[in-house]
Amino acid sequence: MVTKDMTIGEIIKQDPSRAEVLMAFGMGCVGCPSAQGETLEEAALVHGINLEALVQALNDK
């Protein structure tokens, strides 16, 4: 289960196919080193993405 406090790196490590969901929401740099340490909440804020919708989509994957 994905939570807003998980890092992008943790999410992708848990299930690499979730990178597609992140990119579909506009996070094109999911593989860059700095993104790996960002929490999902931080990344959503930076990219102006609805956090609840993103968490839901990742958990539906």
PDB file of N, CA and C in Angstrom:
ATOM      1  N   MET A   1       0.847  -1.188   0.000  1.00  0.00           N
ATOM      2  CA  MET A   1       0.000   0.000   0.000  1.00  0.00           C
ATOM      3  C   MET A   1       0.887   1.245   0.000  1.00  0.00           C
ATOM      4  N   VAL A   2       0.582   2.160  -0.878  1.00  0.00           N
ATOM      5  CA  VAL A   2       1.331   3.407  -0.992  1.00  0.00           C
ATOM      6  C   VAL A   2       0.715   4.443  -0.063  1.00  0.00           C
ATOM      7  N   THR A   3       1.592   5.180   0.639  1.00  0.00           N
ATOM      8  CA  THR A   3       1.155   6.291   1.485  1.00  0.00           C
ATOM      9  C   THR A   3       1.889   7.557   1.057  1.00  0.00           C
ATOM     10  N   LYS A   4       1.371   8.697   1.468  1.00  0.00           N
ATOM     11  CA  LYS A   4       1.966   9.978   1.079  1.00  0.00           C
ATOM     12  C   LYS A   4       3.349  10.183   1.673  1.00  0.00           C
ATOM     13  N   ASP A   5       3.691   9.447   2.705  1.00  0.00           N
ATOM     14  CA  ASP A   5       4.979   9.608   3.369  1.00  0.00           C
ATOM     15  C   ASP A   5       6.082   8.729   2.786  1.00  0.00           C
ATOM     16  N   MET A   6       5.737   7.866   1.853  1.00  0.00           N
ATOM     17  CA  MET A   6       6.744   7.023   1.208  1.00  0.00           C
ATOM     18  C   MET A   6       7.550   7.848   0.219  1.00  0.00           C
ATOM     19  N   THR A   7       8.815   7.474   0.039  1.00  0.00           N
ATOM     20  CA  THR A   7       9.617   8.163  -0.972  1.00  0.00           C
ATOM     21  C   THR A   7       9.316   7.569  -2.350  1.00  0.00           C
ATOM     22  N   ILE A   8       9.636   8.345  -3.361  1.00  0.00           N
ATOM     23  CA  ILE A   8       9.452   7.868  -4.728  1.00  0.00           C
ATOM     24  C   ILE A   8      10.269   6.589  -4.919  1.00  0.00           C
ATOM     25  N   GLY A   9      11.475   6.564  -4.370  1.00  0.00           N
ATOM     26  CA  GLY A   9      12.325   5.386  -4.468  1.00  0.00           C
ATOM     27  C   GLY A   9      11.685   4.149  -3.860  1.00  0.00           C
ATOM     28  N   GLU A  10      11.065   4.307  -2.696  1.00  0.00           N
ATOM     29  CA  GLU A  10      10.392   3.175  -2.042  1.00  0.00           C
ATOM     30  C   GLU A  10       9.232   2.663  -2.880  1.00  0.00           C
ATOM     31  N   ILE A  11       8.473   3.586  -3.441  1.00  0.00           N
ATOM     32  CA  ILE A  11       7.300   3.222  -4.240  1.00  0.00           C
ATOM     33  C   ILE A  11       7.722   2.424  -5.468  1.00  0.00           C
ATOM     34  N   ILE A  12       8.761   2.887  -6.143  1.00  0.00           N
ATOM     35  CA  ILE A  12       9.221   2.209  -7.349  1.00  0.00           C
ATOM     36  C   ILE A  12       9.884   0.878  -7.007  1.00  0.00           C
ATOM     37  N   LYS A  13      10.608   0.840  -5.898  1.00  0.00           N
ATOM     38  CA  LYS A  13      11.246  -0.416  -5.484  1.00  0.00           C
ATOM     39  C   LYS A  13      10.187  -1.469  -5.148  1.00  0.00           C
ATOM     40  N   GLN A  14       9.108  -1.028  -4.509  1.00  0.00           N
ATOM     41  CA  GLN A  14       8.019  -1.932  -4.139  1.00  0.00           C
ATOM     42  C   GLN A  14       7.348  -2.521  -5.382  1.00  0.00           C
ATOM     43  N   ASP A  15       7.159  -1.681  -6.402  1.00  0.00           N
ATOM     44  CA  ASP A  15       6.521  -2.130  -7.641  1.00  0.00           C
ATOM     45  C   ASP A  15       6.980  -1.214  -8.780  1.00  0.00           C
ATOM     46  N   PRO A  16       7.987  -1.644  -9.553  1.00  0.00           N
ATOM     47  CA  PRO A  16       8.526  -0.800 -10.627  1.00  0.00           C
ATOM     48  C   PRO A  16       7.483  -0.312 -11.639  1.00  0.00           C
ATOM     49  N   SER A  17       6.397  -1.043 -11.805  1.00  0.00           N
ATOM     50  CA  SER A  17       5.380  -0.611 -12.775  1.00  0.00           C
ATOM     51  C   SER A  17       4.660   0.658 -12.330  1.00  0.00           C
ATOM     52  N   ARG A  18       4.795   1.016 -11.074  1.00  0.00           N
ATOM     53  CA  ARG A  18       4.156   2.254 -10.590  1.00  0.00           C
ATOM     54  C   ARG A  18       4.820   3.507 -11.157  1.00  0.00           C
ATOM     55  N   ALA A  19       6.011   3.363 -11.701  1.00  0.00           N
ATOM     56  CA  ALA A  19       6.666   4.507 -12.345  1.00  0.00           C
ATOM     57  C   ALA A  19       5.794   5.047 -13.471  1.00  0.00           C
ATOM     58  N   GLU A  20       5.087   4.147 -14.162  1.00  0.00           N
ATOM     59  CA  GLU A  20       4.190   4.569 -15.247  1.00  0.00           C
ATOM     60  C   GLU A  20       3.081   5.474 -14.723  1.00  0.00           C
ATOM     61  N   VAL A  21       2.548   5.147 -13.543  1.00  0.00           N
ATOM     62  CA  VAL A  21       1.483   5.956 -12.944  1.00  0.00           C
ATOM     63  C   VAL A  21       2.040   7.331 -12.591  1.00  0.00           C
ATOM     64  N   LEU A  22       3.213   7.344 -11.976  1.00  0.00           N
ATOM     65  CA  LEU A  22       3.829   8.626 -11.602  1.00  0.00           C
ATOM     66  C   LEU A  22       4.054   9.491 -12.836  1.00  0.00           C
ATOM     67  N   MET A  23       4.562   8.901 -13.906  1.00  0.00           N
ATOM     68  CA  MET A  23       4.809   9.661 -15.131  1.00  0.00           C
ATOM     69  C   MET A  23       3.503  10.136 -15.767  1.00  0.00           C
ATOM     70  N   ALA A  24       2.462   9.336 -15.671  1.00  0.00           N
ATOM     71  CA  ALA A  24       1.163   9.738 -16.224  1.00  0.00           C
ATOM     72  C   ALA A  24       0.606  10.957 -15.491  1.00  0.00           C
ATOM     73  N   PHE A  25       1.000  11.132 -14.235  1.00  0.00           N
ATOM     74  CA  PHE A  25       0.569  12.287 -13.460  1.00  0.00           C
ATOM     75  C   PHE A  25       1.488  13.493 -13.654  1.00  0.00           C
ATOM     76  N   GLY A  26       2.515  13.362 -14.500  1.00  0.00           N
ATOM     77  CA  GLY A  26       3.390  14.488 -14.797  1.00  0.00           C
ATOM     78  C   GLY A  26       4.722  14.474 -14.082  1.00  0.00           C
ATOM     79  N   MET A  27       5.060  13.374 -13.440  1.00  0.00           N
ATOM     80  CA  MET A  27       6.360  13.262 -12.772  1.00  0.00           C
ATOM     81  C   MET A  27       7.317  12.536 -13.708  1.00  0.00           C
ATOM     82  N   GLY A  28       7.862  13.272 -14.657  1.00  0.00           N
ATOM     83  CA  GLY A  28       8.713  12.675 -15.670  1.00  0.00           C
ATOM     84  C   GLY A  28      10.107  12.323 -15.206  1.00  0.00           C
ATOM     85  N   CYS A  29      10.505  12.806 -14.050  1.00  0.00           N
ATOM     86  CA  CYS A  29      11.881  12.575 -13.593  1.00  0.00           C
ATOM     87  C   CYS A  29      11.929  11.593 -12.424  1.00  0.00           C
ATOM     88  N   VAL A  30      11.097  10.570 -12.453  1.00  0.00           N
ATOM     89  CA  VAL A  30      11.037   9.626 -11.340  1.00  0.00           C
ATOM     90  C   VAL A  30      12.333   8.868 -11.134  1.00  0.00           C
ATOM     91  N   GLY A  31      13.179   8.801 -12.139  1.00  0.00           N
ATOM     92  CA  GLY A  31      14.426   8.070 -12.017  1.00  0.00           C
ATOM     93  C   GLY A  31      15.602   8.911 -11.562  1.00  0.00           C
ATOM     94  N   CYS A  32      15.446  10.227 -11.473  1.00  0.00           N
ATOM     95  CA  CYS A  32      16.584  11.059 -11.092  1.00  0.00           C
ATOM     96  C   CYS A  32      16.883  10.910  -9.596  1.00  0.00           C
ATOM     97  N   PRO A  33      18.142  11.050  -9.223  1.00  0.00           N
ATOM     98  CA  PRO A  33      18.548  10.817  -7.826  1.00  0.00           C
ATOM     99  C   PRO A  33      17.786  11.648  -6.793  1.00  0.00           C
ATOM    100  N   SER A  34      17.515  12.902  -7.077  1.00  0.00           N
ATOM    101  CA  SER A  34      16.823  13.728  -6.085  1.00  0.00           C
ATOM    102  C   SER A  34      15.378  13.291  -5.897  1.00  0.00           C
ATOM    103  N   ALA A  35      14.732  12.832  -6.957  1.00  0.00           N
ATOM    104  CA  ALA A  35      13.339  12.381  -6.843  1.00  0.00           C
ATOM    105  C   ALA A  35      13.243  11.118  -5.996  1.00  0.00           C
ATOM    106  N   GLN A  36      14.267  10.300  -6.018  1.00  0.00           N
ATOM    107  CA  GLN A  36      14.253   9.049  -5.269  1.00  0.00           C
ATOM    108  C   GLN A  36      14.103   9.285  -3.766  1.00  0.00           C
ATOM    109  N   GLY A  37      14.608  10.420  -3.268  1.00  0.00           N
ATOM    110  CA  GLY A  37      14.543  10.712  -1.841  1.00  0.00           C
ATOM    111  C   GLY A  37      13.358  11.570  -1.429  1.00  0.00           C
ATOM    112  N   GLU A  38      12.607  12.064  -2.400  1.00  0.00           N
ATOM    113  CA  GLU A  38      11.432  12.886  -2.110  1.00  0.00           C
ATOM    114  C   GLU A  38      10.263  12.022  -1.678  1.00  0.00           C
ATOM    115  N   THR A  39       9.477  12.518  -0.727  1.00  0.00           N
ATOM    116  CA  THR A  39       8.251  11.797  -0.396  1.00  0.00           C
ATOM    117  C   THR A  39       7.234  12.061  -1.502  1.00  0.00           C
ATOM    118  N   LEU A  40       6.243  11.210  -1.555  1.00  0.00           N
ATOM    119  CA  LEU A  40       5.185  11.385  -2.542  1.00  0.00           C
ATOM    120  C   LEU A  40       4.482  12.722  -2.331  1.00  0.00           C
ATOM    121  N   GLU A  41       4.265  13.073  -1.081  1.00  0.00           N
ATOM    122  CA  GLU A  41       3.617  14.341  -0.766  1.00  0.00           C
ATOM    123  C   GLU A  41       4.441  15.521  -1.265  1.00  0.00           C
ATOM    124  N   GLU A  42       5.764  15.495  -1.036  1.00  0.00           N
ATOM    125  CA  GLU A  42       6.635  16.578  -1.498  1.00  0.00           C
ATOM    126  C   GLU A  42       6.615  16.685  -3.020  1.00  0.00           C
ATOM    127  N   ALA A  43       6.704  15.542  -3.683  1.00  0.00           N
ATOM    128  CA  ALA A  43       6.713  15.537  -5.146  1.00  0.00           C
ATOM    129  C   ALA A  43       5.399  16.056  -5.709  1.00  0.00           C
ATOM    130  N   ALA A  44       4.286  15.662  -5.109  1.00  0.00           N
ATOM    131  CA  ALA A  44       2.976  16.134  -5.567  1.00  0.00           C
ATOM    132  C   ALA A  44       2.872  17.649  -5.412  1.00  0.00           C
ATOM    133  N   LEU A  45       3.378  18.161  -4.308  1.00  0.00           N
ATOM    134  CA  LEU A  45       3.336  19.607  -4.060  1.00  0.00           C
ATOM    135  C   LEU A  45       4.157  20.357  -5.105  1.00  0.00           C
ATOM    136  N   VAL A  46       5.360  19.877  -5.366  1.00  0.00           N
ATOM    137  CA  VAL A  46       6.247  20.519  -6.334  1.00  0.00           C
ATOM    138  C   VAL A  46       5.629  20.521  -7.729  1.00  0.00           C
ATOM    139  N   HIS A  47       4.961  19.437  -8.087  1.00  0.00           N
ATOM    140  CA  HIS A  47       4.399  19.301  -9.432  1.00  0.00           C
ATOM    141  C   HIS A  47       2.946  19.772  -9.529  1.00  0.00           C
ATOM    142  N   GLY A  48       2.360  20.227  -8.425  1.00  0.00           N
ATOM    143  CA  GLY A  48       0.980  20.705  -8.455  1.00  0.00           C
ATOM    144  C   GLY A  48      -0.028  19.608  -8.735  1.00  0.00           C
ATOM    145  N   ILE A  49       0.225  18.424  -8.176  1.00  0.00           N
ATOM    146  CA  ILE A  49      -0.621  17.251  -8.424  1.00  0.00           C
ATOM    147  C   ILE A  49      -1.509  16.988  -7.214  1.00  0.00           C
ATOM    148  N   ASN A  50      -2.752  16.582  -7.471  1.00  0.00           N
ATOM    149  CA  ASN A  50      -3.673  16.225  -6.400  1.00  0.00           C
ATOM    150  C   ASN A  50      -3.149  14.967  -5.712  1.00  0.00           C
ATOM    151  N   LEU A  51      -2.742  15.104  -4.463  1.00  0.00           N
ATOM    152  CA  LEU A  51      -2.110  14.009  -3.730  1.00  0.00           C
ATOM    153  C   LEU A  51      -3.040  12.828  -3.543  1.00  0.00           C
ATOM    154  N   GLU A  52      -4.291  13.081  -3.160  1.00  0.00           N
ATOM    155  CA  GLU A  52      -5.228  11.966  -2.934  1.00  0.00           C
ATOM    156  C   GLU A  52      -5.468  11.159  -4.206  1.00  0.00           C
ATOM    157  N   ALA A  53      -5.616  11.861  -5.323  1.00  0.00           N
ATOM    158  CA  ALA A  53      -5.837  11.168  -6.602  1.00  0.00           C
ATOM    159  C   ALA A  53      -4.621  10.332  -6.985  1.00  0.00           C
ATOM    160  N   LEU A  54      -3.431  10.865  -6.715  1.00  0.00           N
ATOM    161  CA  LEU A  54      -2.206  10.141  -7.036  1.00  0.00           C
ATOM    162  C   LEU A  54      -2.053   8.898  -6.169  1.00  0.00           C
ATOM    163  N   VAL A  55      -2.263   9.037  -4.876  1.00  0.00           N
ATOM    164  CA  VAL A  55      -2.176   7.882  -3.966  1.00  0.00           C
ATOM    165  C   VAL A  55      -3.173   6.818  -4.382  1.00  0.00           C
ATOM    166  N   GLN A  56      -4.388   7.227  -4.711  1.00  0.00           N
ATOM    167  CA  GLN A  56      -5.420   6.273  -5.129  1.00  0.00           C
ATOM    168  C   GLN A  56      -5.005   5.529  -6.383  1.00  0.00           C
ATOM    169  N   ALA A  57      -4.492   6.276  -7.364  1.00  0.00           N
ATOM    170  CA  ALA A  57      -4.085   5.651  -8.625  1.00  0.00           C
ATOM    171  C   ALA A  57      -2.932   4.670  -8.401  1.00  0.00           C
ATOM    172  N   LEU A  58      -2.000   5.029  -7.534  1.00  0.00           N
ATOM    173  CA  LEU A  58      -0.878   4.127  -7.254  1.00  0.00           C
ATOM    174  C   LEU A  58      -1.356   2.865  -6.538  1.00  0.00           C
ATOM    175  N   ASN A  59      -2.298   3.003  -5.646  1.00  0.00           N
ATOM    176  CA  ASN A  59      -2.810   1.846  -4.923  1.00  0.00           C
ATOM    177  C   ASN A  59      -3.718   0.986  -5.791  1.00  0.00           C
ATOM    178  N   ASP A  60      -4.318   1.579  -6.828  1.00  0.00           N
ATOM    179  CA  ASP A  60      -5.162   0.816  -7.746  1.00  0.00           C
ATOM    180  C   ASP A  60      -4.324   0.017  -8.742  1.00  0.00           C
ATOM    181  N   LYS A  61      -3.051   0.372  -8.878  1.00  0.00           N
ATOM    182  CA  LYS A  61      -2.155  -0.271  -9.862  1.00  0.00           C
ATOM    183  C   LYS A  61      -1.944  -1.728  -9.501  1.00  0.00           C
TER     184      LYS A  61
END
